[in-house]
Amino acid sequence: MAGTEADRLLVERVQAGERTAFDALVLKYQQRIFKLVSRYVWNREEARDVTQEVFVRAYRAIGSFRGDSEFYTWLYRIAVNAAKNAVGTATRNPVEGGLDIDDPEIGEIRTKLTDVSSPEHLLCAEDLKRTINDAIGALPAELRRAILLREIEGMSYEEIANAMHCPVGTVRSRIFRAREAIFIRIKPLLE
């Protein structure tokens, strides 16, 4: 059974009053939501609390879930709102580990950082991580959100379009512009 169909059936069971069906949704998505919340809330305990709050809010509001979007997309929106409520957006540090260096668009980074044992590598990796974080933090909100959904959450372009309420072409454009802006910031480190 497809994940979306399984989610739909679980949601229907919860809406019919079966509380244990919600437990299955929590088990399926708790790590993903925690990871998302952790991008906003850096204190691990607070991130756990916010994650728990996300599921409490979702449980209370599940009666209003109509299935217009996937369950995860709906849950994602609740999580982002809860995380933003927990901390001000000005104090947010967007990414701990940076972008996926396996991405062919920024694969150049991998070749520059292959000797993991050297002090130079460690310094370069820290500089790169800090520069990527700064670059993502400096992006306009819609570009930052699109790149984080793609690179951190691993969402498809279609899922991002649903989450951001915009066409897939707009998502592709935002991700391209975000990657370009990030690459401009990290290019001096690669030279």
N, C-alpha and C. Protein backbone atom coordinates (compact mmCIF):
# COMPACT_ATOMS: atom_id res chain seq x y z
N MET A 1 0.85 -1.18 0.00
CA MET A 1 0.00 0.00 0.00
C MET A 1 0.89 1.24 0.00
N ALA A 2 0.59 2.17 -0.87
CA ALA A 2 1.38 3.40 -0.97
C ALA A 2 1.30 4.18 0.34
N GLY A 3 2.39 4.93 0.63
CA GLY A 3 2.45 5.70 1.86
C GLY A 3 1.33 6.70 2.00
N THR A 4 0.99 7.38 0.91
CA THR A 4 -0.08 8.37 0.94
C THR A 4 -1.42 7.72 1.25
N GLU A 5 -1.67 6.59 0.64
CA GLU A 5 -2.92 5.87 0.88
C GLU A 5 -2.98 5.35 2.32
N ALA A 6 -1.86 4.85 2.81
CA ALA A 6 -1.82 4.37 4.19
C ALA A 6 -2.08 5.52 5.16
N ASP A 7 -1.48 6.68 4.88
CA ASP A 7 -1.72 7.86 5.72
C ASP A 7 -3.19 8.25 5.70
N ARG A 8 -3.78 8.24 4.51
CA ARG A 8 -5.19 8.61 4.39
C ARG A 8 -6.07 7.69 5.23
N LEU A 9 -5.79 6.40 5.16
CA LEU A 9 -6.58 5.44 5.93
C LEU A 9 -6.39 5.63 7.43
N LEU A 10 -5.15 5.89 7.84
CA LEU A 10 -4.89 6.14 9.26
C LEU A 10 -5.61 7.41 9.74
N VAL A 11 -5.57 8.44 8.92
CA VAL A 11 -6.25 9.69 9.28
C VAL A 11 -7.75 9.45 9.43
N GLU A 12 -8.33 8.71 8.51
CA GLU A 12 -9.77 8.40 8.58
C GLU A 12 -10.09 7.64 9.86
N ARG A 13 -9.22 6.71 10.24
CA ARG A 13 -9.44 5.95 11.48
C ARG A 13 -9.36 6.86 12.70
N VAL A 14 -8.40 7.80 12.70
CA VAL A 14 -8.28 8.75 13.81
C VAL A 14 -9.52 9.63 13.86
N GLN A 15 -9.96 10.11 12.71
CA GLN A 15 -11.15 10.96 12.66
C GLN A 15 -12.40 10.22 13.11
N ALA A 16 -12.38 8.90 12.98
CA ALA A 16 -13.51 8.08 13.45
C ALA A 16 -13.40 7.75 14.93
N GLY A 17 -12.34 8.25 15.59
CA GLY A 17 -12.21 8.07 17.03
C GLY A 17 -11.21 7.02 17.48
N GLU A 18 -10.48 6.43 16.57
CA GLU A 18 -9.50 5.39 16.91
C GLU A 18 -8.15 6.04 17.23
N ARG A 19 -7.87 6.25 18.50
CA ARG A 19 -6.66 6.95 18.93
C ARG A 19 -5.38 6.21 18.57
N THR A 20 -5.42 4.89 18.57
CA THR A 20 -4.19 4.13 18.29
C THR A 20 -3.71 4.33 16.85
N ALA A 21 -4.60 4.70 15.95
CA ALA A 21 -4.19 4.97 14.57
C ALA A 21 -3.27 6.19 14.52
N PHE A 22 -3.48 7.14 15.42
CA PHE A 22 -2.61 8.32 15.45
C PHE A 22 -1.21 7.93 15.91
N ASP A 23 -1.12 6.95 16.78
CA ASP A 23 0.20 6.47 17.22
C ASP A 23 1.04 6.01 16.03
N ALA A 24 0.40 5.36 15.07
CA ALA A 24 1.12 4.90 13.88
C ALA A 24 1.66 6.08 13.08
N LEU A 25 0.86 7.15 12.99
CA LEU A 25 1.32 8.36 12.29
C LEU A 25 2.49 9.01 13.03
N VAL A 26 2.40 9.04 14.35
CA VAL A 26 3.49 9.61 15.15
C VAL A 26 4.76 8.80 14.93
N LEU A 27 4.67 7.50 15.01
CA LEU A 27 5.86 6.65 14.81
C LEU A 27 6.46 6.84 13.43
N LYS A 28 5.61 7.01 12.44
CA LYS A 28 6.09 7.17 11.07
C LYS A 28 6.82 8.50 10.87
N TYR A 29 6.33 9.57 11.50
CA TYR A 29 6.84 10.90 11.19
C TYR A 29 7.62 11.59 12.30
N GLN A 30 7.74 11.00 13.46
CA GLN A 30 8.36 11.73 14.57
C GLN A 30 9.82 12.11 14.30
N GLN A 31 10.59 11.22 13.70
CA GLN A 31 12.00 11.54 13.44
C GLN A 31 12.12 12.64 12.39
N ARG A 32 11.30 12.57 11.38
CA ARG A 32 11.33 13.57 10.32
C ARG A 32 10.93 14.95 10.86
N ILE A 33 9.91 14.98 11.70
CA ILE A 33 9.46 16.24 12.28
C ILE A 33 10.51 16.77 13.26
N PHE A 34 11.10 15.89 14.05
CA PHE A 34 12.16 16.32 14.98
C PHE A 34 13.31 16.94 14.20
N LYS A 35 13.69 16.31 13.10
CA LYS A 35 14.78 16.82 12.27
C LYS A 35 14.43 18.20 11.72
N LEU A 36 13.20 18.36 11.28
CA LEU A 36 12.73 19.65 10.77
C LEU A 36 12.76 20.71 11.87
N VAL A 37 12.19 20.40 13.01
CA VAL A 37 12.13 21.35 14.13
C VAL A 37 13.54 21.71 14.59
N SER A 38 14.46 20.75 14.54
CA SER A 38 15.84 21.00 14.97
C SER A 38 16.56 22.02 14.09
N ARG A 39 16.06 22.27 12.91
CA ARG A 39 16.64 23.29 12.04
C ARG A 39 16.30 24.69 12.54
N TYR A 40 15.26 24.79 13.32
CA TYR A 40 14.83 26.07 13.88
C TYR A 40 15.24 26.20 15.35
N VAL A 41 15.10 25.12 16.09
CA VAL A 41 15.33 25.12 17.54
C VAL A 41 16.58 24.30 17.80
N TRP A 42 17.67 24.96 18.22
CA TRP A 42 18.93 24.26 18.34
C TRP A 42 19.10 23.51 19.65
N ASN A 43 18.36 23.88 20.68
CA ASN A 43 18.43 23.14 21.93
C ASN A 43 17.66 21.84 21.74
N ARG A 44 18.35 20.73 21.95
CA ARG A 44 17.78 19.40 21.68
C ARG A 44 16.52 19.12 22.51
N GLU A 45 16.56 19.49 23.77
CA GLU A 45 15.38 19.26 24.62
C GLU A 45 14.20 20.11 24.17
N GLU A 46 14.49 21.34 23.83
CA GLU A 46 13.41 22.21 23.35
C GLU A 46 12.86 21.69 22.03
N ALA A 47 13.73 21.19 21.17
CA ALA A 47 13.29 20.62 19.89
C ALA A 47 12.37 19.41 20.13
N ARG A 48 12.70 18.60 21.13
CA ARG A 48 11.82 17.47 21.48
C ARG A 48 10.46 17.97 21.96
N ASP A 49 10.49 19.03 22.79
CA ASP A 49 9.23 19.59 23.29
C ASP A 49 8.38 20.15 22.16
N VAL A 50 9.03 20.86 21.24
CA VAL A 50 8.29 21.43 20.11
C VAL A 50 7.74 20.30 19.23
N THR A 51 8.53 19.26 19.02
CA THR A 51 8.07 18.11 18.23
C THR A 51 6.83 17.49 18.87
N GLN A 52 6.87 17.33 20.18
CA GLN A 52 5.71 16.80 20.88
C GLN A 52 4.50 17.72 20.72
N GLU A 53 4.74 19.02 20.81
CA GLU A 53 3.67 20.00 20.63
C GLU A 53 3.07 19.92 19.23
N VAL A 54 3.91 19.65 18.23
CA VAL A 54 3.42 19.51 16.86
C VAL A 54 2.39 18.39 16.78
N PHE A 55 2.71 17.25 17.40
CA PHE A 55 1.79 16.13 17.33
C PHE A 55 0.53 16.36 18.17
N VAL A 56 0.67 17.09 19.26
CA VAL A 56 -0.51 17.44 20.05
C VAL A 56 -1.43 18.33 19.21
N ARG A 57 -0.85 19.34 18.57
CA ARG A 57 -1.65 20.23 17.72
C ARG A 57 -2.29 19.46 16.57
N ALA A 58 -1.51 18.57 15.96
CA ALA A 58 -2.04 17.79 14.85
C ALA A 58 -3.21 16.92 15.30
N TYR A 59 -3.06 16.30 16.46
CA TYR A 59 -4.14 15.44 16.96
C TYR A 59 -5.41 16.25 17.21
N ARG A 60 -5.24 17.42 17.82
CA ARG A 60 -6.39 18.27 18.11
C ARG A 60 -7.07 18.78 16.84
N ALA A 61 -6.28 18.99 15.78
CA ALA A 61 -6.82 19.57 14.55
C ALA A 61 -7.12 18.55 13.46
N ILE A 62 -6.89 17.28 13.74
CA ILE A 62 -7.02 16.28 12.67
C ILE A 62 -8.44 16.18 12.12
N GLY A 63 -9.40 16.57 12.90
CA GLY A 63 -10.77 16.59 12.41
C GLY A 63 -10.96 17.55 11.25
N SER A 64 -10.12 18.57 11.19
CA SER A 64 -10.23 19.55 10.10
C SER A 64 -9.38 19.18 8.88
N PHE A 65 -8.60 18.11 8.98
CA PHE A 65 -7.79 17.69 7.84
C PHE A 65 -8.71 17.09 6.78
N ARG A 66 -8.71 17.72 5.59
CA ARG A 66 -9.63 17.31 4.53
C ARG A 66 -8.96 16.43 3.48
N GLY A 67 -7.64 16.32 3.53
CA GLY A 67 -6.96 15.50 2.54
C GLY A 67 -6.66 16.24 1.24
N ASP A 68 -6.75 17.57 1.26
CA ASP A 68 -6.42 18.35 0.06
C ASP A 68 -4.93 18.24 -0.28
N SER A 69 -4.13 17.99 0.73
CA SER A 69 -2.70 17.77 0.54
C SER A 69 -2.35 16.46 1.22
N GLU A 70 -1.09 16.04 1.06
CA GLU A 70 -0.66 14.84 1.77
C GLU A 70 -0.61 15.13 3.26
N PHE A 71 -0.75 14.10 4.07
CA PHE A 71 -0.73 14.28 5.52
C PHE A 71 0.59 14.91 5.97
N TYR A 72 1.71 14.46 5.40
CA TYR A 72 2.99 15.01 5.83
C TYR A 72 3.09 16.50 5.51
N THR A 73 2.57 16.92 4.37
CA THR A 73 2.60 18.33 4.02
C THR A 73 1.83 19.15 5.05
N TRP A 74 0.69 18.65 5.45
CA TRP A 74 -0.13 19.31 6.48
C TRP A 74 0.63 19.35 7.81
N LEU A 75 1.22 18.22 8.18
CA LEU A 75 1.99 18.13 9.42
C LEU A 75 3.21 19.04 9.37
N TYR A 76 3.84 19.10 8.21
CA TYR A 76 5.00 19.97 8.01
C TYR A 76 4.64 21.43 8.33
N ARG A 77 3.50 21.89 7.82
CA ARG A 77 3.07 23.27 8.07
C ARG A 77 2.88 23.52 9.56
N ILE A 78 2.29 22.57 10.24
CA ILE A 78 2.11 22.71 11.70
C ILE A 78 3.47 22.80 12.38
N ALA A 79 4.41 21.95 11.95
CA ALA A 79 5.74 21.92 12.56
C ALA A 79 6.49 23.23 12.35
N VAL A 80 6.45 23.76 11.15
CA VAL A 80 7.15 25.02 10.88
C VAL A 80 6.55 26.14 11.73
N ASN A 81 5.23 26.20 11.79
CA ASN A 81 4.59 27.24 12.61
C ASN A 81 4.96 27.09 14.08
N ALA A 82 4.97 25.87 14.58
CA ALA A 82 5.32 25.63 15.99
C ALA A 82 6.77 26.01 16.25
N ALA A 83 7.65 25.65 15.33
CA ALA A 83 9.07 25.97 15.50
C ALA A 83 9.30 27.48 15.46
N LYS A 84 8.63 28.15 14.54
CA LYS A 84 8.77 29.61 14.45
C LYS A 84 8.20 30.29 15.69
N ASN A 85 7.16 29.72 16.25
CA ASN A 85 6.61 30.27 17.49
C ASN A 85 7.58 30.07 18.65
N ALA A 86 8.35 28.99 18.60
CA ALA A 86 9.26 28.68 19.70
C ALA A 86 10.46 29.61 19.73
N VAL A 87 10.90 30.04 18.58
CA VAL A 87 12.04 30.95 18.51
C VAL A 87 11.77 32.02 17.47
N GLY A 88 12.33 33.18 17.65
CA GLY A 88 12.20 34.25 16.66
C GLY A 88 12.99 33.92 15.43
N THR A 89 12.51 34.29 14.28
CA THR A 89 13.22 33.98 13.04
C THR A 89 14.57 34.68 12.96
N ALA A 90 14.74 35.75 13.68
CA ALA A 90 16.03 36.46 13.64
C ALA A 90 17.15 35.66 14.30
N THR A 91 16.80 34.80 15.26
CA THR A 91 17.83 34.04 15.96
C THR A 91 18.03 32.65 15.37
N ARG A 92 17.35 32.35 14.30
CA ARG A 92 17.40 31.03 13.69
C ARG A 92 18.72 30.81 12.97
N ASN A 93 19.33 29.65 13.20
CA ASN A 93 20.53 29.22 12.48
C ASN A 93 20.08 28.08 11.59
N PRO A 94 20.00 28.24 10.28
CA PRO A 94 19.27 27.33 9.44
C PRO A 94 19.79 25.91 9.29
N VAL A 95 21.07 25.70 9.20
CA VAL A 95 21.54 24.35 8.88
C VAL A 95 22.78 24.02 9.66
N GLU A 96 22.80 22.86 10.26
CA GLU A 96 23.98 22.44 11.00
C GLU A 96 25.01 21.82 10.07
N GLY A 97 24.58 20.93 9.21
CA GLY A 97 25.53 20.18 8.42
C GLY A 97 25.74 20.69 7.02
N GLY A 98 24.99 21.65 6.56
CA GLY A 98 25.15 22.17 5.22
C GLY A 98 24.41 21.34 4.20
N LEU A 99 24.68 21.63 2.95
CA LEU A 99 24.01 20.96 1.85
C LEU A 99 24.64 19.62 1.55
N ASP A 100 23.92 18.79 0.85
CA ASP A 100 24.38 17.47 0.45
C ASP A 100 25.48 17.61 -0.59
N ILE A 101 26.70 17.25 -0.24
CA ILE A 101 27.80 17.42 -1.18
C ILE A 101 27.78 16.38 -2.29
N ASP A 102 26.86 15.42 -2.24
CA ASP A 102 26.70 14.49 -3.35
C ASP A 102 25.91 15.11 -4.50
N ASP A 103 25.29 16.24 -4.26
CA ASP A 103 24.52 16.93 -5.28
C ASP A 103 25.47 17.32 -6.41
N PRO A 104 25.18 16.92 -7.65
CA PRO A 104 26.09 17.21 -8.75
C PRO A 104 26.31 18.70 -8.99
N GLU A 105 25.35 19.52 -8.60
CA GLU A 105 25.49 20.96 -8.82
C GLU A 105 26.55 21.59 -7.92
N ILE A 106 26.84 20.94 -6.80
CA ILE A 106 27.89 21.47 -5.93
C ILE A 106 28.92 20.39 -5.60
N GLY A 107 29.03 19.42 -6.48
CA GLY A 107 29.94 18.30 -6.27
C GLY A 107 31.41 18.67 -6.22
N GLU A 108 31.75 19.85 -6.72
CA GLU A 108 33.14 20.32 -6.68
C GLU A 108 33.69 20.33 -5.26
N ILE A 109 32.82 20.56 -4.31
CA ILE A 109 33.24 20.63 -2.90
C ILE A 109 33.89 19.33 -2.47
N ARG A 110 33.31 18.22 -2.90
CA ARG A 110 33.82 16.91 -2.48
C ARG A 110 35.29 16.73 -2.84
N THR A 111 35.67 17.13 -4.03
CA THR A 111 37.05 16.92 -4.45
C THR A 111 38.02 17.80 -3.68
N LYS A 112 37.56 18.92 -3.20
CA LYS A 112 38.42 19.82 -2.42
C LYS A 112 38.60 19.35 -0.98
N LEU A 113 37.72 18.49 -0.51
CA LEU A 113 37.76 18.11 0.90
C LEU A 113 37.92 16.61 1.10
N THR A 114 38.80 15.99 0.32
CA THR A 114 38.91 14.54 0.38
C THR A 114 39.83 14.03 1.48
N ASP A 115 40.84 14.77 1.87
CA ASP A 115 41.76 14.31 2.90
C ASP A 115 41.22 14.69 4.27
N VAL A 116 40.42 13.78 4.86
CA VAL A 116 39.72 14.09 6.10
C VAL A 116 40.62 14.06 7.34
N SER A 117 41.84 13.61 7.19
CA SER A 117 42.70 13.49 8.36
C SER A 117 43.52 14.75 8.65
N SER A 118 43.62 15.64 7.69
CA SER A 118 44.50 16.79 7.87
C SER A 118 43.82 17.91 8.64
N PRO A 119 44.61 18.69 9.39
CA PRO A 119 44.06 19.86 10.07
C PRO A 119 43.49 20.87 9.07
N GLU A 120 44.13 20.94 7.89
CA GLU A 120 43.64 21.85 6.86
C GLU A 120 42.23 21.47 6.44
N HIS A 121 41.99 20.16 6.31
CA HIS A 121 40.65 19.70 5.94
C HIS A 121 39.64 20.12 6.99
N LEU A 122 39.97 19.90 8.25
CA LEU A 122 39.04 20.24 9.32
C LEU A 122 38.73 21.73 9.33
N LEU A 123 39.75 22.54 9.12
CA LEU A 123 39.54 23.99 9.07
C LEU A 123 38.68 24.37 7.86
N CYS A 124 38.99 23.77 6.72
CA CYS A 124 38.20 24.05 5.50
C CYS A 124 36.76 23.61 5.67
N ALA A 125 36.58 22.45 6.28
CA ALA A 125 35.21 21.95 6.48
C ALA A 125 34.42 22.88 7.39
N GLU A 126 35.04 23.36 8.45
CA GLU A 126 34.36 24.30 9.36
C GLU A 126 34.04 25.61 8.65
N ASP A 127 35.02 26.11 7.88
CA ASP A 127 34.79 27.34 7.12
C ASP A 127 33.65 27.15 6.12
N LEU A 128 33.66 26.02 5.44
CA LEU A 128 32.62 25.73 4.47
C LEU A 128 31.25 25.64 5.13
N LYS A 129 31.19 24.93 6.24
CA LYS A 129 29.93 24.78 6.97
C LYS A 129 29.40 26.14 7.41
N ARG A 130 30.28 26.95 7.97
CA ARG A 130 29.88 28.29 8.44
C ARG A 130 29.42 29.15 7.26
N THR A 131 30.15 29.08 6.15
CA THR A 131 29.81 29.88 4.97
C THR A 131 28.47 29.44 4.38
N ILE A 132 28.24 28.14 4.33
CA ILE A 132 26.96 27.64 3.83
C ILE A 132 25.82 28.09 4.74
N ASN A 133 26.01 27.97 6.05
CA ASN A 133 24.99 28.42 7.00
C ASN A 133 24.70 29.91 6.82
N ASP A 134 25.76 30.71 6.71
CA ASP A 134 25.59 32.15 6.51
C ASP A 134 24.87 32.44 5.20
N ALA A 135 25.25 31.71 4.14
CA ALA A 135 24.62 31.93 2.83
C ALA A 135 23.14 31.57 2.87
N ILE A 136 22.81 30.46 3.50
CA ILE A 136 21.40 30.07 3.60
C ILE A 136 20.64 31.06 4.46
N GLY A 137 21.25 31.48 5.56
CA GLY A 137 20.60 32.44 6.44
C GLY A 137 20.36 33.78 5.77
N ALA A 138 21.19 34.15 4.79
CA ALA A 138 21.05 35.43 4.10
C ALA A 138 20.06 35.38 2.94
N LEU A 139 19.61 34.18 2.57
CA LEU A 139 18.66 34.07 1.46
C LEU A 139 17.31 34.68 1.82
N PRO A 140 16.60 35.19 0.83
CA PRO A 140 15.22 35.60 1.09
C PRO A 140 14.42 34.38 1.58
N ALA A 141 13.40 34.64 2.37
CA ALA A 141 12.65 33.57 3.04
C ALA A 141 12.16 32.48 2.09
N GLU A 142 11.62 32.86 0.93
CA GLU A 142 11.06 31.84 0.03
C GLU A 142 12.15 30.98 -0.59
N LEU A 143 13.34 31.54 -0.84
CA LEU A 143 14.45 30.74 -1.36
C LEU A 143 14.99 29.82 -0.27
N ARG A 144 15.14 30.36 0.94
CA ARG A 144 15.65 29.57 2.06
C ARG A 144 14.73 28.38 2.34
N ARG A 145 13.44 28.64 2.37
CA ARG A 145 12.49 27.56 2.66
C ARG A 145 12.55 26.49 1.58
N ALA A 146 12.60 26.89 0.33
CA ALA A 146 12.64 25.92 -0.78
C ALA A 146 13.89 25.05 -0.72
N ILE A 147 15.04 25.68 -0.48
CA ILE A 147 16.29 24.90 -0.46
C ILE A 147 16.34 23.97 0.75
N LEU A 148 15.81 24.42 1.89
CA LEU A 148 15.79 23.55 3.07
C LEU A 148 14.85 22.37 2.88
N LEU A 149 13.71 22.61 2.26
CA LEU A 149 12.78 21.51 2.00
C LEU A 149 13.41 20.48 1.07
N ARG A 150 14.14 20.95 0.08
CA ARG A 150 14.75 20.04 -0.89
C ARG A 150 15.97 19.33 -0.30
N GLU A 151 16.90 20.09 0.27
CA GLU A 151 18.17 19.53 0.70
C GLU A 151 18.13 18.88 2.08
N ILE A 152 17.35 19.42 2.98
CA ILE A 152 17.32 18.89 4.34
C ILE A 152 16.19 17.88 4.50
N GLU A 153 15.00 18.25 4.03
CA GLU A 153 13.85 17.36 4.17
C GLU A 153 13.77 16.31 3.07
N GLY A 154 14.47 16.53 1.97
CA GLY A 154 14.46 15.57 0.88
C GLY A 154 13.12 15.49 0.16
N MET A 155 12.36 16.57 0.21
CA MET A 155 11.05 16.57 -0.43
C MET A 155 11.20 16.72 -1.95
N SER A 156 10.24 16.16 -2.68
CA SER A 156 10.22 16.29 -4.14
C SER A 156 9.77 17.70 -4.49
N TYR A 157 9.98 18.07 -5.74
CA TYR A 157 9.54 19.39 -6.19
C TYR A 157 8.02 19.54 -6.03
N GLU A 158 7.30 18.47 -6.30
CA GLU A 158 5.84 18.52 -6.18
C GLU A 158 5.41 18.71 -4.72
N GLU A 159 6.08 18.01 -3.80
CA GLU A 159 5.77 18.17 -2.38
C GLU A 159 6.08 19.59 -1.90
N ILE A 160 7.19 20.13 -2.39
CA ILE A 160 7.56 21.50 -2.02
C ILE A 160 6.53 22.48 -2.57
N ALA A 161 6.10 22.26 -3.81
CA ALA A 161 5.08 23.13 -4.40
C ALA A 161 3.81 23.12 -3.56
N ASN A 162 3.40 21.95 -3.09
CA ASN A 162 2.22 21.86 -2.23
C ASN A 162 2.45 22.59 -0.91
N ALA A 163 3.60 22.39 -0.32
CA ALA A 163 3.90 23.02 0.97
C ALA A 163 4.00 24.53 0.86
N MET A 164 4.49 25.01 -0.27
CA MET A 164 4.70 26.45 -0.44
C MET A 164 3.58 27.13 -1.21
N HIS A 165 2.59 26.35 -1.63
CA HIS A 165 1.44 26.88 -2.37
C HIS A 165 1.86 27.66 -3.61
N CYS A 166 2.70 27.02 -4.44
CA CYS A 166 3.14 27.67 -5.67
C CYS A 166 3.38 26.59 -6.72
N PRO A 167 3.51 26.99 -8.00
CA PRO A 167 3.76 26.01 -9.06
C PRO A 167 5.13 25.35 -8.94
N VAL A 168 5.27 24.16 -9.52
CA VAL A 168 6.52 23.42 -9.50
C VAL A 168 7.63 24.23 -10.18
N GLY A 169 7.30 24.94 -11.25
CA GLY A 169 8.29 25.76 -11.94
C GLY A 169 8.87 26.83 -11.03
N THR A 170 8.04 27.39 -10.19
CA THR A 170 8.50 28.40 -9.23
C THR A 170 9.45 27.76 -8.22
N VAL A 171 9.12 26.55 -7.79
CA VAL A 171 9.98 25.83 -6.85
C VAL A 171 11.35 25.58 -7.49
N ARG A 172 11.36 25.11 -8.71
CA ARG A 172 12.62 24.85 -9.41
C ARG A 172 13.46 26.13 -9.52
N SER A 173 12.79 27.22 -9.85
CA SER A 173 13.48 28.50 -9.97
C SER A 173 14.06 28.94 -8.63
N ARG A 174 13.29 28.80 -7.56
CA ARG A 174 13.76 29.21 -6.24
C ARG A 174 14.95 28.37 -5.80
N ILE A 175 14.88 27.08 -6.03
CA ILE A 175 15.99 26.20 -5.64
C ILE A 175 17.23 26.52 -6.46
N PHE A 176 17.06 26.76 -7.75
CA PHE A 176 18.19 27.13 -8.60
C PHE A 176 18.83 28.42 -8.09
N ARG A 177 18.01 29.43 -7.83
CA ARG A 177 18.53 30.72 -7.36
C ARG A 177 19.22 30.57 -6.00
N ALA A 178 18.65 29.75 -5.13
CA ALA A 178 19.27 29.53 -3.82
C ALA A 178 20.62 28.84 -3.97
N ARG A 179 20.68 27.81 -4.78
CA ARG A 179 21.95 27.10 -5.00
C ARG A 179 23.00 28.03 -5.61
N GLU A 180 22.57 28.85 -6.55
CA GLU A 180 23.48 29.79 -7.18
C GLU A 180 24.04 30.77 -6.16
N ALA A 181 23.17 31.31 -5.31
CA ALA A 181 23.61 32.26 -4.28
C ALA A 181 24.58 31.60 -3.30
N ILE A 182 24.30 30.37 -2.93
CA ILE A 182 25.17 29.64 -2.00
C ILE A 182 26.52 29.38 -2.67
N PHE A 183 26.48 28.95 -3.92
CA PHE A 183 27.73 28.65 -4.61
C PHE A 183 28.61 29.88 -4.75
N ILE A 184 28.00 31.03 -5.01
CA ILE A 184 28.76 32.28 -5.11
C ILE A 184 29.50 32.54 -3.80
N ARG A 185 28.84 32.25 -2.68
CA ARG A 185 29.46 32.50 -1.37
C ARG A 185 30.57 31.50 -1.06
N ILE A 186 30.44 30.26 -1.53
CA ILE A 186 31.45 29.25 -1.19
C ILE A 186 32.56 29.15 -2.23
N LYS A 187 32.36 29.74 -3.40
CA LYS A 187 33.36 29.61 -4.48
C LYS A 187 34.75 30.05 -4.04
N PRO A 188 34.91 31.16 -3.30
CA PRO A 188 36.27 31.53 -2.87
C PRO A 188 36.95 30.45 -2.02
N LEU A 189 36.18 29.67 -1.30
CA LEU A 189 36.78 28.59 -0.48
C LEU A 189 37.28 27.45 -1.35
N LEU A 190 36.73 27.34 -2.56
CA LEU A 190 37.10 26.23 -3.43
C LEU A 190 38.32 26.57 -4.28
N GLU A 191 38.67 27.83 -4.33
CA GLU A 191 39.78 28.25 -5.19
C GLU A 191 41.11 28.21 -4.48
